């Protein structure tokens, strides 16, 4: 019993240290996020901002407009908005943005992919890459809104010629009237994603690309065969980052944050979204979901209850320890990034959801995304695809045109 108690105390200490390291790293990395970034030394490279779209995401017009307003420190900037289907509702929104920013914004109609087992986002990016003229390519999802200094912060690390790619992390503050699932998603971004990635970057120098808002030198992307090389994988951003590092390129995490605009989510949509990412982790690095399960205060609480000879008699103390870990450590980034003290009850639910996902992912073989089911092979390669709701095939040739305004 003494050994079991000692192991539980040691596990609690390790959890606390790791959690505190992540939160401290996140604070150190973003403590100057409100200050103006230093100017780019010399002449910054020309920029093409690529915005792949499908459907009308929440606040799409404002999201796209925020990128159209960005300046690159004097270098030419263009914004290319890509849509596969000319009947997509995002097309009219993109045309509105182009009318308000003549000469800077263009709409690119990619047409349907000839191969159904192609990542639809990458299919869009291939078409956008062909039309782009910039020396660097910025890719940002359609539900991402950029602060005024987003482009300057993405460009600044390129002053070091060894850096070939940069990316910004994201937060998503939501109001108290948002549905519980939306508030949970926001809390996951601030208390799980931000501390984990900033902690790995500052403590171990580990950085991989995240496609919410990332930049890559066009010459480096060309070395790897362009976006077309990633047509058959789902996590094209992480695969690109891994390939860049293998060739000796460095990746920098900027000290700025972009904002993901969340709509009204249901619990089922939240589960599908998070399970998709957990499956992608599992097929790429299986130790990630294992580590997420082990680094979870609810698992500690369960272990404490099971390890005690008194069965559930130890559970209250174990649950208290779990709540203390979550409340004392995760509350800091939660409040820093839009959370309210009255919403602190969400944090234990976040940890419970993460544990359920880390366990349930081993029973999941496919992911749901954009109305399709993708069966994945090792390395997140697409092994098969069918529409949600039943079997089917997608067919059609590929064509592309650009609208110039």
Protein backbone atom coordinates (compact mmCIF):
# COMPACT_ATOMS: atom_id res chain seq x y z
CA UNK A 1 0.00 0.00 0.00
CA UNK A 2 2.85 2.37 0.82
CA UNK A 3 4.41 1.68 -2.58
CA UNK A 4 1.09 2.31 -4.34
CA UNK A 5 0.62 5.57 -2.47
CA UNK A 6 4.16 6.66 -3.34
CA UNK A 7 3.60 5.88 -7.01
CA UNK A 8 0.39 7.89 -7.03
CA UNK A 9 2.09 10.85 -5.38
CA UNK A 10 4.94 10.61 -7.91
CA UNK A 11 2.45 10.49 -10.79
CA UNK A 12 0.64 13.53 -9.41
CA UNK A 13 3.95 15.40 -9.13
CA UNK A 14 4.91 14.53 -12.71
CA UNK A 15 1.51 15.66 -13.97
CA UNK A 16 1.80 18.92 -12.07
CA UNK A 17 5.33 19.60 -13.35
CA UNK A 18 4.45 18.86 -16.96
CA UNK A 19 1.28 20.92 -16.79
CA UNK A 20 3.04 23.84 -15.13
CA UNK A 21 5.87 23.69 -17.69
CA UNK A 22 3.37 23.92 -20.54
CA UNK A 23 1.48 26.82 -18.99
CA UNK A 24 4.70 28.70 -18.13
CA UNK A 25 6.08 28.11 -21.63
CA UNK A 26 2.87 29.41 -23.18
CA UNK A 27 3.01 32.53 -21.01
CA UNK A 28 6.68 33.18 -21.80
CA UNK A 29 6.19 32.69 -25.52
CA UNK A 30 3.21 35.03 -25.82
CA UNK A 31 4.00 37.61 -23.15
CA UNK A 32 4.89 40.16 -25.87
CA UNK A 33 2.02 39.28 -28.18
CA UNK A 34 0.44 42.68 -27.57
CA UNK A 35 3.58 44.61 -28.53
CA UNK A 36 4.29 45.62 -32.11
CA UNK A 37 6.61 43.15 -33.90
CA UNK A 38 10.01 44.48 -34.98
CA UNK A 39 10.25 45.43 -38.67
CA UNK A 40 11.62 42.95 -41.17
CA UNK A 41 15.31 43.72 -41.82
CA UNK A 42 15.83 44.55 -45.45
CA UNK A 43 13.20 43.90 -48.09
CA UNK A 44 10.58 41.30 -47.16
CA UNK A 45 9.61 38.70 -49.77
CA UNK A 46 6.45 38.98 -51.85
CA UNK A 47 3.51 37.11 -50.36
CA UNK A 48 0.64 35.02 -51.70
CA UNK A 49 -2.03 34.32 -49.06
CA UNK A 50 -3.91 31.13 -49.96
CA UNK A 51 -7.41 30.70 -48.52
CA UNK A 52 -8.98 27.31 -49.37
CA UNK A 53 -12.74 27.40 -48.70
CA UNK A 54 -15.67 25.02 -48.71
CA UNK A 55 -19.08 26.18 -47.52
CA UNK A 56 -19.86 29.36 -45.65
CA UNK A 57 -18.08 29.15 -42.33
CA UNK A 58 -19.20 31.42 -39.47
CA UNK A 59 -18.25 35.06 -40.20
CA UNK A 60 -16.61 34.03 -43.48
CA UNK A 61 -16.75 37.52 -45.00
CA UNK A 62 -14.97 39.12 -42.06
CA UNK A 63 -12.50 36.25 -41.82
CA UNK A 64 -11.46 36.62 -45.47
CA UNK A 65 -11.45 40.42 -45.26
CA UNK A 66 -9.09 40.36 -42.29
CA UNK A 67 -6.45 38.65 -44.45
CA UNK A 68 -7.11 40.96 -47.40
CA UNK A 69 -6.27 43.97 -45.21
CA UNK A 70 -2.84 42.70 -44.11
CA UNK A 71 0.39 44.42 -45.10
CA UNK A 72 3.74 42.73 -45.59
CA UNK A 73 6.06 45.55 -44.60
CA UNK A 74 6.15 47.01 -48.10
CA UNK A 75 6.34 43.78 -50.08
CA UNK A 76 3.60 42.90 -52.60
CA UNK A 77 0.72 40.91 -51.09
CA UNK A 78 -2.01 39.02 -52.94
CA UNK A 79 -4.89 36.97 -51.58
CA UNK A 80 -6.14 33.94 -53.51
CA UNK A 81 -9.42 32.35 -52.39
CA UNK A 82 -9.91 28.81 -53.65
CA UNK A 83 -13.21 26.96 -54.03
CA UNK A 84 -13.70 23.62 -55.79
CA UNK A 85 -17.39 23.94 -56.67
CA UNK A 86 -18.57 27.07 -58.52
CA UNK A 87 -21.95 26.63 -56.83
CA UNK A 88 -20.45 26.72 -53.33
CA UNK A 89 -21.94 29.54 -51.18
CA UNK A 90 -18.38 30.63 -50.37
CA UNK A 91 -18.02 31.82 -53.98
CA UNK A 92 -20.32 34.81 -53.57
CA UNK A 93 -18.67 35.75 -50.29
CA UNK A 94 -15.26 35.59 -51.96
CA UNK A 95 -16.49 37.82 -54.81
CA UNK A 96 -17.73 40.38 -52.28
CA UNK A 97 -14.27 40.45 -50.68
CA UNK A 98 -12.63 40.78 -54.11
CA UNK A 99 -14.88 43.74 -54.98
CA UNK A 100 -13.85 45.51 -51.79
CA UNK A 101 -10.14 44.85 -52.42
CA UNK A 102 -9.68 45.25 -56.20
CA UNK A 103 -6.32 44.17 -57.55
CA UNK A 104 -5.40 42.33 -54.34
CA UNK A 105 -7.97 39.50 -54.03
CA UNK A 106 -8.73 36.85 -56.65
CA UNK A 107 -11.09 33.90 -56.69
CA UNK A 108 -9.79 30.58 -58.04
CA UNK A 109 -12.29 27.87 -59.03
CA UNK A 110 -10.42 24.57 -58.78
CA UNK A 111 -13.16 22.29 -60.08
CA UNK A 112 -13.80 18.77 -58.74
CA UNK A 113 -10.93 16.39 -58.08
CA UNK A 114 -10.56 13.56 -60.57
CA UNK A 115 -9.45 11.20 -57.79
CA UNK A 116 -11.95 10.77 -54.94
CA UNK A 117 -9.17 9.77 -52.52
CA UNK A 118 -7.66 13.25 -52.58
CA UNK A 119 -7.60 15.60 -49.65
CA UNK A 120 -10.11 18.29 -50.72
CA UNK A 121 -8.14 21.05 -49.01
CA UNK A 122 -4.93 20.05 -50.79
CA UNK A 123 -6.82 19.83 -54.09
CA UNK A 124 -7.73 23.47 -53.51
CA UNK A 125 -4.16 24.37 -52.55
CA UNK A 126 -2.75 22.82 -55.74
CA UNK A 127 -4.96 25.12 -57.81
CA UNK A 128 -4.04 28.14 -55.67
CA UNK A 129 -0.33 27.36 -55.89
CA UNK A 130 -0.50 27.43 -59.70
CA UNK A 131 -2.01 30.91 -59.63
CA UNK A 132 0.19 32.34 -56.88
CA UNK A 133 3.04 34.72 -57.70
CA UNK A 134 4.59 35.26 -54.25
CA UNK A 135 7.99 34.13 -53.01
CA UNK A 136 6.34 32.85 -49.85
CA UNK A 137 2.97 31.16 -49.50
CA UNK A 138 0.75 31.76 -46.48
CA UNK A 139 -2.01 29.19 -45.91
CA UNK A 140 -4.87 29.97 -43.53
CA UNK A 141 -8.14 28.13 -43.01
CA UNK A 142 -11.41 29.82 -43.88
CA UNK A 143 -12.57 30.00 -40.25
CA UNK A 144 -9.44 31.90 -39.15
CA UNK A 145 -9.45 35.65 -38.57
CA UNK A 146 -6.14 37.51 -38.66
CA UNK A 147 -5.13 40.34 -36.33
CA UNK A 148 -3.54 43.35 -38.09
CA UNK A 149 0.03 42.19 -37.37
CA UNK A 150 -0.45 38.52 -38.34
CA UNK A 151 1.52 38.71 -41.60
CA UNK A 152 4.38 40.68 -40.07
CA UNK A 153 4.75 38.06 -37.34
CA UNK A 154 4.68 35.21 -39.84
CA UNK A 155 7.33 36.92 -41.97
CA UNK A 156 9.70 38.08 -39.23
CA UNK A 157 11.46 34.71 -38.57
CA UNK A 158 12.41 34.53 -42.27
CA UNK A 159 15.13 37.08 -41.53
CA UNK A 160 17.06 33.92 -40.59
CA UNK A 161 17.77 32.21 -43.94
CA UNK A 162 17.72 28.81 -42.25
CA UNK A 163 14.04 29.20 -41.40
CA UNK A 164 11.81 27.98 -44.23
CA UNK A 165 8.42 27.86 -42.56
CA UNK A 166 6.57 29.59 -39.74
CA UNK A 167 3.18 29.18 -38.12
CA UNK A 168 0.90 30.87 -35.62
CA UNK A 169 -1.19 29.16 -32.99
CA UNK A 170 -4.79 30.06 -32.34
CA UNK A 171 -7.36 30.78 -29.71
CA UNK A 172 -11.12 31.08 -29.87
CA UNK A 173 -12.81 33.23 -27.22
CA UNK A 174 -16.56 32.68 -27.10
CA UNK A 175 -19.38 34.33 -25.20
CA UNK A 176 -21.21 32.87 -22.19
CA UNK A 177 -24.30 32.32 -24.36
CA UNK A 178 -22.43 29.90 -26.65
CA UNK A 179 -23.54 26.24 -26.51
CA UNK A 180 -21.61 23.99 -24.10
CA UNK A 181 -19.91 22.14 -26.98
CA UNK A 182 -18.62 25.41 -28.45
CA UNK A 183 -17.31 26.50 -25.06
CA UNK A 184 -15.63 23.14 -24.59
CA UNK A 185 -13.92 23.47 -27.99
CA UNK A 186 -12.65 26.92 -27.03
CA UNK A 187 -11.33 25.57 -23.73
CA UNK A 188 -9.53 22.72 -25.53
CA UNK A 189 -7.70 25.24 -27.71
CA UNK A 190 -6.56 27.35 -24.75
CA UNK A 191 -5.79 24.65 -22.15
CA UNK A 192 -4.63 21.69 -24.26
CA UNK A 193 -3.36 22.89 -27.65
CA UNK A 194 -1.59 26.11 -26.68
CA UNK A 195 0.35 24.83 -23.63
CA UNK A 196 1.30 21.54 -25.30
CA UNK A 197 2.69 23.05 -28.50
CA UNK A 198 4.30 26.11 -26.89
CA UNK A 199 5.77 23.87 -24.20
CA UNK A 200 7.30 21.46 -26.72
CA UNK A 201 8.69 24.38 -28.73
CA UNK A 202 10.29 26.25 -25.84
CA UNK A 203 11.44 23.26 -23.78
CA UNK A 204 12.64 20.92 -26.54
CA UNK A 205 12.89 23.09 -29.66
CA UNK A 206 10.30 20.86 -31.33
CA UNK A 207 8.10 22.58 -33.88
CA UNK A 208 5.87 21.18 -36.57
CA UNK A 209 3.57 23.02 -38.89
CA UNK A 210 -0.07 23.61 -38.08
CA UNK A 211 -2.16 24.70 -41.02
CA UNK A 212 -4.53 27.12 -39.30
CA UNK A 213 -2.08 29.91 -40.21
CA UNK A 214 1.28 28.92 -41.66
CA UNK A 215 3.89 30.24 -44.06
CA UNK A 216 6.36 28.36 -46.25
CA UNK A 217 9.05 29.56 -48.62
CA UNK A 218 7.99 28.66 -52.11
CA UNK A 219 11.48 27.39 -52.97
CA UNK A 220 11.35 24.94 -50.04
CA UNK A 221 7.89 23.71 -51.03
CA UNK A 222 9.08 23.26 -54.60
CA UNK A 223 11.92 21.02 -53.35
CA UNK A 224 9.27 18.63 -52.07
CA UNK A 225 7.18 18.65 -55.23
CA UNK A 226 4.66 21.32 -54.25
CA UNK A 227 1.29 20.77 -52.65
CA UNK A 228 0.54 17.99 -55.15
CA UNK A 229 2.92 15.75 -53.19
CA UNK A 230 0.49 15.82 -50.27
CA UNK A 231 -2.72 15.13 -52.16
CA UNK A 232 -3.19 11.66 -50.63
CA UNK A 233 -2.67 12.56 -46.95
CA UNK A 234 -5.02 14.26 -44.52
CA UNK A 235 -2.56 16.14 -42.30
CA UNK A 236 -0.69 17.86 -45.10
CA UNK A 237 0.65 20.55 -42.77
CA UNK A 238 2.34 18.09 -40.37
CA UNK A 239 3.67 15.99 -43.26
CA UNK A 240 5.12 19.09 -44.91
CA UNK A 241 6.77 20.14 -41.65
CA UNK A 242 8.30 16.70 -41.14
CA UNK A 243 9.66 16.64 -44.70
CA UNK A 244 11.12 20.13 -44.32
CA UNK A 245 12.95 19.18 -41.14
CA UNK A 246 14.31 16.03 -42.75
CA UNK A 247 15.92 18.24 -45.42
CA UNK A 248 17.51 20.51 -42.83
CA UNK A 249 14.99 23.37 -42.93
CA UNK A 250 13.92 24.98 -39.67
CA UNK A 251 10.39 25.87 -38.56
CA UNK A 252 9.55 28.77 -36.26
CA UNK A 253 6.54 29.30 -34.04
CA UNK A 254 5.58 32.98 -34.11
CA UNK A 255 4.75 34.96 -30.98
CA UNK A 256 1.36 36.02 -32.36
CA UNK A 257 -2.03 34.34 -32.21
CA UNK A 258 -4.80 34.18 -34.78
CA UNK A 259 -8.46 33.64 -33.91
CA UNK A 260 -10.57 30.66 -34.93
CA UNK A 261 -14.21 31.61 -35.29
CA UNK A 262 -16.40 28.86 -33.90
CA UNK A 263 -20.02 28.43 -34.83
CA UNK A 264 -22.70 26.79 -32.71
CA UNK A 265 -21.44 23.25 -32.22
CA UNK A 266 -23.28 20.20 -30.95
CA UNK A 267 -21.61 17.64 -28.69
CA UNK A 268 -21.67 15.17 -31.59
CA UNK A 269 -19.84 17.66 -33.83
CA UNK A 270 -17.29 18.33 -31.09
CA UNK A 271 -16.66 14.62 -30.66
CA UNK A 272 -16.24 14.10 -34.42
CA UNK A 273 -13.85 17.05 -34.66
CA UNK A 274 -11.62 15.95 -31.79
CA UNK A 275 -11.77 12.27 -32.73
CA UNK A 276 -10.61 13.16 -36.24
CA UNK A 277 -7.48 14.74 -34.83
CA UNK A 278 -6.94 11.91 -32.38
CA UNK A 279 -7.13 9.34 -35.20
CA UNK A 280 -4.68 11.42 -37.23
CA UNK A 281 -2.30 11.42 -34.26
CA UNK A 282 -2.70 7.66 -33.84
CA UNK A 283 -1.91 6.76 -37.45
CA UNK A 284 1.11 9.05 -37.49
CA UNK A 285 2.61 8.72 -33.99
CA UNK A 286 0.76 6.12 -31.89
CA UNK A 287 2.55 7.25 -28.72
CA UNK A 288 0.66 10.56 -28.83
CA UNK A 289 -2.75 9.20 -27.71
CA UNK A 290 -0.95 6.92 -25.23
CA UNK A 291 0.81 9.94 -23.74
CA UNK A 292 -2.41 11.93 -23.67
CA UNK A 293 -4.07 9.16 -21.68
CA UNK A 294 -1.19 8.86 -19.23
CA UNK A 295 -0.97 12.66 -18.89
CA UNK A 296 -4.52 13.02 -17.64
CA UNK A 297 -5.69 13.80 -14.11
CA UNK A 298 -8.81 11.67 -14.46
CA UNK A 299 -6.65 8.60 -15.10
CA UNK A 300 -4.78 9.45 -11.93
CA UNK A 301 -8.07 9.65 -10.05
CA UNK A 302 -9.17 6.26 -11.38
CA UNK A 303 -5.79 4.71 -10.60
CA UNK A 304 -5.94 6.04 -7.04
CA UNK A 305 -9.36 4.53 -6.48
CA UNK A 306 -8.40 1.15 -7.96
CA UNK A 307 -5.00 0.96 -6.24
CA UNK A 308 -6.38 1.43 -2.76
CA UNK A 309 -7.40 -1.64 -0.85
CA UNK A 310 -10.51 0.22 0.28
CA UNK A 311 -11.86 0.44 -3.29
CA UNK A 312 -13.97 3.57 -3.75
CA UNK A 313 -13.11 4.88 -0.29
CA UNK A 314 -10.04 6.55 -1.80
CA UNK A 315 -11.99 8.00 -4.74
CA UNK A 316 -12.98 11.37 -3.14
CA UNK A 317 -9.36 12.22 -2.38
CA UNK A 318 -8.26 11.11 -5.83
CA UNK A 319 -10.96 13.16 -7.53
CA UNK A 320 -10.00 16.14 -5.37
CA UNK A 321 -6.40 15.80 -6.51
CA UNK A 322 -7.59 15.65 -10.12
CA UNK A 323 -9.73 18.75 -9.70
CA UNK A 324 -6.87 20.61 -8.02
CA UNK A 325 -4.51 19.79 -10.88
CA UNK A 326 -7.01 20.95 -13.48
CA UNK A 327 -8.14 24.04 -11.59
CA UNK A 328 -4.78 25.35 -10.46
CA UNK A 329 -2.84 24.84 -13.68
CA UNK A 330 -5.25 24.87 -16.60
CA UNK A 331 -7.22 27.83 -15.25
CA UNK A 332 -4.34 30.20 -16.10
CA UNK A 333 -4.39 29.83 -19.93
CA UNK A 334 -8.17 29.43 -19.84
CA UNK A 335 -8.58 32.91 -18.37
CA UNK A 336 -5.79 34.40 -20.50
CA UNK A 337 -7.48 33.41 -23.75
CA UNK A 338 -11.07 34.44 -23.30
CA UNK A 339 -12.42 32.11 -20.62
CA UNK A 340 -14.45 33.46 -17.73
CA UNK A 341 -14.15 32.43 -14.06
CA UNK A 342 -17.77 31.29 -14.17
CA UNK A 343 -16.79 28.81 -16.89
CA UNK A 344 -14.10 27.03 -14.86
CA UNK A 345 -16.45 24.06 -14.49
CA UNK A 346 -15.61 23.24 -18.12
CA UNK A 347 -12.00 22.30 -17.33
CA UNK A 348 -12.63 18.93 -15.66
CA UNK A 349 -14.95 18.10 -18.58
CA UNK A 350 -12.16 18.91 -21.04
CA UNK A 351 -9.86 16.44 -19.28
CA UNK A 352 -12.59 13.79 -19.19
CA UNK A 353 -13.23 14.27 -22.92
CA UNK A 354 -9.50 14.01 -23.70
CA UNK A 355 -9.25 10.74 -21.79
CA UNK A 356 -12.32 9.31 -23.54
CA UNK A 357 -10.86 10.25 -26.92
CA UNK A 358 -7.43 8.81 -26.13
CA UNK A 359 -9.03 5.48 -25.20
CA UNK A 360 -11.76 5.43 -27.85
CA UNK A 361 -9.39 6.23 -30.72
CA UNK A 362 -8.16 2.62 -30.76
CA UNK A 363 -11.63 1.54 -31.88
CA UNK A 364 -11.84 4.09 -34.70
CA UNK A 365 -10.55 3.35 -38.20
CA UNK A 366 -11.86 6.30 -40.17
CA UNK A 367 -12.45 10.01 -39.77
CA UNK A 368 -15.41 12.18 -40.76
CA UNK A 369 -14.58 15.46 -42.46
CA UNK A 370 -16.48 17.75 -44.81
CA UNK A 371 -19.27 15.22 -45.41
CA UNK A 372 -16.93 12.32 -46.20
CA UNK A 373 -15.51 9.30 -44.41
CA UNK A 374 -11.77 8.80 -44.89
CA UNK A 375 -10.14 5.45 -44.17
CA UNK A 376 -6.53 6.09 -43.19
CA UNK A 377 -3.37 4.04 -43.51
CA UNK A 378 -0.08 4.57 -41.71
CA UNK A 379 1.26 8.10 -41.96
CA UNK A 380 -2.29 9.49 -42.41
CA UNK A 381 -2.37 8.41 -46.04
CA UNK A 382 -5.88 8.17 -47.49
CA UNK A 383 -6.70 4.51 -48.18
CA UNK A 384 -10.35 5.00 -49.10
CA UNK A 385 -13.17 7.52 -49.05
CA UNK A 386 -16.95 7.48 -49.20
CA UNK A 387 -19.72 9.95 -48.40
CA UNK A 388 -21.08 10.05 -44.86
CA UNK A 389 -24.29 8.03 -44.69
CA UNK A 390 -23.41 5.19 -47.02
CA UNK A 391 -21.19 3.87 -49.84
CA UNK A 392 -20.64 5.85 -52.96
CA UNK A 393 -18.14 7.13 -55.49
CA UNK A 394 -17.11 10.63 -56.41
CA UNK A 395 -16.13 11.26 -59.97
CA UNK A 396 -15.34 14.21 -62.19
CA UNK A 397 -12.54 15.80 -64.12
CA UNK A 398 -10.34 18.58 -62.83
CA UNK A 399 -10.38 22.04 -64.28
CA UNK A 400 -9.31 25.40 -63.00
CA UNK A 401 -9.84 29.03 -63.79
CA UNK A 402 -9.12 32.27 -62.02
CA UNK A 403 -11.31 35.34 -61.74
CA UNK A 404 -9.37 38.56 -61.78
CA UNK A 405 -10.91 41.67 -60.26
